[in-house]
C-alpha atoms as a PDB file:
ATOM      1  CA  MET A   1     -23.385  -6.336 -27.581  1.00  0.00           C
ATOM      2  CA  LEU A   2     -20.986  -5.870 -24.667  1.00  0.00           C
ATOM      3  CA  THR A   3     -21.623  -3.086 -22.198  1.00  0.00           C
ATOM      4  CA  THR A   4     -18.828  -1.139 -20.517  1.00  0.00           C
ATOM      5  CA  MET A   5     -19.557  -2.937 -17.240  1.00  0.00           C
ATOM      6  CA  THR A   6     -19.306  -6.327 -18.961  1.00  0.00           C
ATOM      7  CA  VAL A   7     -15.972  -5.434 -20.533  1.00  0.00           C
ATOM      8  CA  LEU A   8     -14.619  -4.220 -17.172  1.00  0.00           C
ATOM      9  CA  ALA A   9     -15.794  -7.425 -15.488  1.00  0.00           C
ATOM     10  CA  LEU A  10     -14.024  -9.504 -18.147  1.00  0.00           C
ATOM     11  CA  LEU A  11     -10.827  -7.478 -17.763  1.00  0.00           C
ATOM     12  CA  ALA A  12     -10.968  -7.832 -13.968  1.00  0.00           C
ATOM     13  CA  ALA A  13     -11.261 -11.599 -14.322  1.00  0.00           C
ATOM     14  CA  ASP A  14      -7.944 -11.559 -16.224  1.00  0.00           C
ATOM     15  CA  PHE A  15      -6.106  -9.263 -13.780  1.00  0.00           C
ATOM     16  CA  PRO A  16      -5.761 -11.105 -10.462  1.00  0.00           C
ATOM     17  CA  LEU A  17      -5.137  -7.976  -8.374  1.00  0.00           C
ATOM     18  CA  ALA A  18      -8.347  -6.194  -9.409  1.00  0.00           C
ATOM     19  CA  GLY A  19     -10.590  -5.416  -6.474  1.00  0.00           C
ATOM     20  CA  THR A  20     -10.720  -3.725  -3.100  1.00  0.00           C
ATOM     21  CA  TRP A  21      -8.246  -4.874  -0.472  1.00  0.00           C
ATOM     22  CA  THR A  22      -8.175  -4.166   3.280  1.00  0.00           C
ATOM     23  CA  LEU A  23      -4.879  -3.991   5.153  1.00  0.00           C
ATOM     24  CA  THR A  24      -4.402  -6.770   7.701  1.00  0.00           C
ATOM     25  CA  ALA A  25      -0.747  -6.087   8.639  1.00  0.00           C
ATOM     26  CA  ALA A  26       1.864  -3.377   8.110  1.00  0.00           C
ATOM     27  CA  ASP A  27       4.971  -4.702   9.778  1.00  0.00           C
ATOM     28  CA  ARG A  28       8.724  -4.672   9.405  1.00  0.00           C
ATOM     29  CA  LEU A  29      11.302  -7.421   9.595  1.00  0.00           C
ATOM     30  CA  THR A  30      14.329  -6.156  11.538  1.00  0.00           C
ATOM     31  CA  PRO A  31      17.932  -7.027  10.602  1.00  0.00           C
ATOM     32  CA  ALA A  32      17.856  -9.441  13.581  1.00  0.00           C
ATOM     33  CA  GLY A  33      14.930 -11.291  11.951  1.00  0.00           C
ATOM     34  CA  VAL A  34      12.284 -10.027  14.400  1.00  0.00           C
ATOM     35  CA  ARG A  35       8.897  -9.035  13.003  1.00  0.00           C
ATOM     36  CA  GLU A  36       7.535  -5.805  14.538  1.00  0.00           C
ATOM     37  CA  HIS A  37       4.565  -3.529  13.916  1.00  0.00           C
ATOM     38  CA  ASP A  38       5.537  -0.675  11.598  1.00  0.00           C
ATOM     39  CA  TYR A  39       2.233   1.252  11.713  1.00  0.00           C
ATOM     40  CA  GLY A  40       1.084   0.378  15.212  1.00  0.00           C
ATOM     41  CA  ALA A  41      -0.853  -2.573  16.583  1.00  0.00           C
ATOM     42  CA  ALA A  42      -3.989  -1.952  14.489  1.00  0.00           C
ATOM     43  CA  PRO A  43      -3.063  -0.267  11.200  1.00  0.00           C
ATOM     44  CA  LYS A  44      -5.771   0.794   8.763  1.00  0.00           C
ATOM     45  CA  GLY A  45      -5.477   0.693   5.012  1.00  0.00           C
ATOM     46  CA  ARG A  46      -7.112   0.249   1.668  1.00  0.00           C
ATOM     47  CA  LEU A  47      -5.783  -0.777  -1.726  1.00  0.00           C
ATOM     48  CA  ILE A  48      -8.084  -0.364  -4.702  1.00  0.00           C
ATOM     49  CA  VAL A  49      -7.014  -1.813  -8.057  1.00  0.00           C
ATOM     50  CA  ASP A  50      -9.130  -1.502 -11.201  1.00  0.00           C
ATOM     51  CA  ALA A  51      -9.271  -3.956 -14.093  1.00  0.00           C
ATOM     52  CA  THR A  52      -6.542  -2.119 -16.011  1.00  0.00           C
ATOM     53  CA  GLY A  53      -4.050  -1.936 -13.120  1.00  0.00           C
ATOM     54  CA  ARG A  54      -4.706   1.622 -11.911  1.00  0.00           C
ATOM     55  CA  TYR A  55      -4.395   1.653  -8.118  1.00  0.00           C
ATOM     56  CA  SER A  56      -4.727   3.806  -5.024  1.00  0.00           C
ATOM     57  CA  LEU A  57      -3.171   2.744  -1.718  1.00  0.00           C
ATOM     58  CA  GLN A  58      -3.432   4.176   1.792  1.00  0.00           C
ATOM     59  CA  ILE A  59      -1.886   2.950   5.053  1.00  0.00           C
ATOM     60  CA  PHE A  60      -2.470   4.708   8.385  1.00  0.00           C
ATOM     61  CA  LYS A  61      -1.212   4.145  11.905  1.00  0.00           C
ATOM     62  CA  SER A  62      -4.313   4.001  14.132  1.00  0.00           C
ATOM     63  CA  GLU A  63      -2.474   5.568  17.057  1.00  0.00           C
ATOM     64  CA  ARG A  64      -1.740   8.849  15.262  1.00  0.00           C
ATOM     65  CA  THR A  65      -2.421  11.856  17.457  1.00  0.00           C
ATOM     66  CA  GLY A  66      -4.905  14.458  16.370  1.00  0.00           C
ATOM     67  CA  PHE A  67      -4.123  18.160  16.067  1.00  0.00           C
ATOM     68  CA  ALA A  68      -4.916  19.938  19.347  1.00  0.00           C
ATOM     69  CA  SER A  69      -5.913  23.099  17.430  1.00  0.00           C
ATOM     70  CA  GLY A  70      -8.382  21.165  15.256  1.00  0.00           C
ATOM     71  CA  ASP A  71      -6.765  22.893  12.248  1.00  0.00           C
ATOM     72  CA  LYS A  72      -4.163  21.045  10.192  1.00  0.00           C
ATOM     73  CA  LYS A  73      -2.635  24.379   9.162  1.00  0.00           C
ATOM     74  CA  ARG A  74      -1.803  25.139  12.827  1.00  0.00           C
ATOM     75  CA  GLY A  75      -0.222  21.955  14.092  1.00  0.00           C
ATOM     76  CA  THR A  76       2.861  21.552  16.229  1.00  0.00           C
ATOM     77  CA  SER A  77       6.052  20.071  14.789  1.00  0.00           C
ATOM     78  CA  GLU A  78       5.304  16.859  16.715  1.00  0.00           C
ATOM     79  CA  GLU A  79       1.771  16.675  15.264  1.00  0.00           C
ATOM     80  CA  TYR A  80       3.104  17.174  11.720  1.00  0.00           C
ATOM     81  CA  ALA A  81       5.784  14.524  12.238  1.00  0.00           C
ATOM     82  CA  ASP A  82       3.219  12.050  13.582  1.00  0.00           C
ATOM     83  CA  ALA A  83       0.889  12.735  10.635  1.00  0.00           C
ATOM     84  CA  ALA A  84       3.685  12.236   8.089  1.00  0.00           C
ATOM     85  CA  LEU A  85       5.316   9.199   9.699  1.00  0.00           C
ATOM     86  CA  GLY A  86       1.971   7.603  10.558  1.00  0.00           C
ATOM     87  CA  SER A  87       0.765   7.359   6.972  1.00  0.00           C
ATOM     88  CA  SER A  88       1.827   6.130   3.566  1.00  0.00           C
ATOM     89  CA  THR A  89      -0.235   6.813   0.475  1.00  0.00           C
ATOM     90  CA  HIS A  90       0.439   6.512  -3.229  1.00  0.00           C
ATOM     91  CA  TYR A  91      -1.318   5.900  -6.537  1.00  0.00           C
ATOM     92  CA  GLY A  92      -0.441   5.004 -10.114  1.00  0.00           C
ATOM     93  CA  GLU A  93      -0.228   1.760 -12.074  1.00  0.00           C
ATOM     94  CA  ILE A  94       0.473  -1.740 -10.775  1.00  0.00           C
ATOM     95  CA  SER A  95       1.420  -4.775 -12.826  1.00  0.00           C
ATOM     96  CA  ILE A  96       2.828  -8.254 -12.296  1.00  0.00           C
ATOM     97  CA  ASP A  97       6.232  -9.269 -13.614  1.00  0.00           C
ATOM     98  CA  ALA A  98       5.685 -13.019 -13.969  1.00  0.00           C
ATOM     99  CA  ALA A  99       9.340 -13.718 -14.848  1.00  0.00           C
ATOM    100  CA  THR A 100      10.658 -12.316 -11.537  1.00  0.00           C
ATOM    101  CA  HIS A 101       7.451 -12.898  -9.518  1.00  0.00           C
ATOM    102  CA  GLN A 102       7.307  -9.237  -8.486  1.00  0.00           C
ATOM    103  CA  LEU A 103       4.693  -6.533  -8.318  1.00  0.00           C
ATOM    104  CA  VAL A 104       5.703  -3.426 -10.250  1.00  0.00           C
ATOM    105  CA  PHE A 105       4.388  -0.102  -8.931  1.00  0.00           C
ATOM    106  CA  LYS A 106       4.684   2.892 -11.264  1.00  0.00           C
ATOM    107  CA  ILE A 107       4.047   5.630  -8.733  1.00  0.00           C
ATOM    108  CA  GLU A 108       2.456   8.812 -10.052  1.00  0.00           C
ATOM    109  CA  GLY A 109       1.651  10.553  -6.757  1.00  0.00           C
ATOM    110  CA  ALA A 110       2.682   9.849  -3.172  1.00  0.00           C
ATOM    111  CA  SER A 111       2.581  11.331   0.311  1.00  0.00           C
ATOM    112  CA  PHE A 112       6.376  10.836   0.270  1.00  0.00           C
ATOM    113  CA  LYS A 113       7.256  13.146  -2.631  1.00  0.00           C
ATOM    114  CA  ASN A 114      10.529  11.312  -3.380  1.00  0.00           C
ATOM    115  CA  TRP A 115       8.535   8.314  -4.659  1.00  0.00           C
ATOM    116  CA  GLU A 116       6.679  10.269  -7.332  1.00  0.00           C
ATOM    117  CA  GLY A 117       7.712   9.236 -10.826  1.00  0.00           C
ATOM    118  CA  THR A 118       9.531   6.120  -9.590  1.00  0.00           C
ATOM    119  CA  THR A 119       9.032   2.462 -10.435  1.00  0.00           C
ATOM    120  CA  GLN A 120       9.261   0.136  -7.460  1.00  0.00           C
ATOM    121  CA  ARG A 121       9.307  -3.642  -7.359  1.00  0.00           C
ATOM    122  CA  ARG A 122       8.070  -5.896  -4.567  1.00  0.00           C
ATOM    123  CA  ALA A 123       8.376  -9.653  -4.035  1.00  0.00           C
ATOM    124  CA  TYR A 124       4.809 -10.839  -3.427  1.00  0.00           C
ATOM    125  CA  ALA A 125       2.512 -13.757  -2.653  1.00  0.00           C
ATOM    126  CA  LEU A 126      -1.084 -14.018  -3.848  1.00  0.00           C
ATOM    127  CA  ASN A 127      -3.108 -16.870  -2.379  1.00  0.00           C
ATOM    128  CA  GLY A 128      -6.792 -16.516  -3.236  1.00  0.00           C
ATOM    129  CA  ASP A 129      -7.974 -13.408  -1.411  1.00  0.00           C
ATOM    130  CA  ALA A 130      -4.724 -12.913   0.527  1.00  0.00           C
ATOM    131  CA  LEU A 131      -2.000 -10.656  -0.883  1.00  0.00           C
ATOM    132  CA  SER A 132       1.321  -9.823   0.743  1.00  0.00           C
ATOM    133  CA  TRP A 133       4.530  -8.178  -0.336  1.00  0.00           C
ATOM    134  CA  ARG A 134       7.908  -7.146   0.972  1.00  0.00           C
ATOM    135  CA  VAL A 135       9.432  -3.787   0.215  1.00  0.00           C
ATOM    136  CA  PRO A 136      13.181  -3.834  -0.520  1.00  0.00           C
ATOM    137  CA  LYS A 137      15.370  -3.271   2.540  1.00  0.00           C
ATOM    138  CA  ALA A 138      15.158   0.276   3.929  1.00  0.00           C
ATOM    139  CA  PRO A 139      18.298   2.296   4.781  1.00  0.00           C
ATOM    140  CA  ASP A 140      17.874   1.280   8.445  1.00  0.00           C
ATOM    141  CA  GLY A 141      18.027  -2.408   7.452  1.00  0.00           C
ATOM    142  CA  ASN A 142      14.328  -3.108   8.075  1.00  0.00           C
ATOM    143  CA  VAL A 143      12.169  -4.826   5.452  1.00  0.00           C
ATOM    144  CA  PRO A 144       8.588  -3.485   5.413  1.00  0.00           C
ATOM    145  CA  ILE A 145       5.861  -6.125   4.948  1.00  0.00           C
ATOM    146  CA  SER A 146       2.276  -5.414   3.881  1.00  0.00           C
ATOM    147  CA  GLU A 147      -0.567  -7.954   4.061  1.00  0.00           C
ATOM    148  CA  TRP A 148      -4.013  -7.462   2.515  1.00  0.00           C
ATOM    149  CA  LYS A 149      -7.347  -9.275   2.323  1.00  0.00           C
ATOM    150  CA  ARG A 150      -9.593  -8.909  -0.727  1.00  0.00           C
ATOM    151  CA  GLU A 151     -13.092  -7.720   0.101  1.00  0.00           C
ATOM    152  CA  ARG A 152     -15.984  -9.670  -1.414  1.00  0.00           C
END
């Protein structure tokens, strides 16, 4: 008789993205072809994907400033801007489109409200415990790049 844990372990073995991933780079490729840090020199992040493709993703700029008041309801406009621009979070479902070699994110909730309810595709590379993807070109011409390492 299979237990729930056994079934989940079997499903995870079939879904190559299942696991906990730690961010190793959150950069951008400029229109001039220069790679720059997009979330500071030491970004923090976590991507958690379950065996069925449900995911939660967080990216944070380490150099974000705190709120001088100690109360996030009483921040300055600069503190709010830094908090919003220094983080990216979303959750939903992730799958792999083998025909186009893309990750498909069906975003249910996001810190950037405009992404909620959207489906986004990313060219990716998965090499063992290393995962990377490129976001389609942003309006400013930059191409965001995320790199992750699977935790064991």
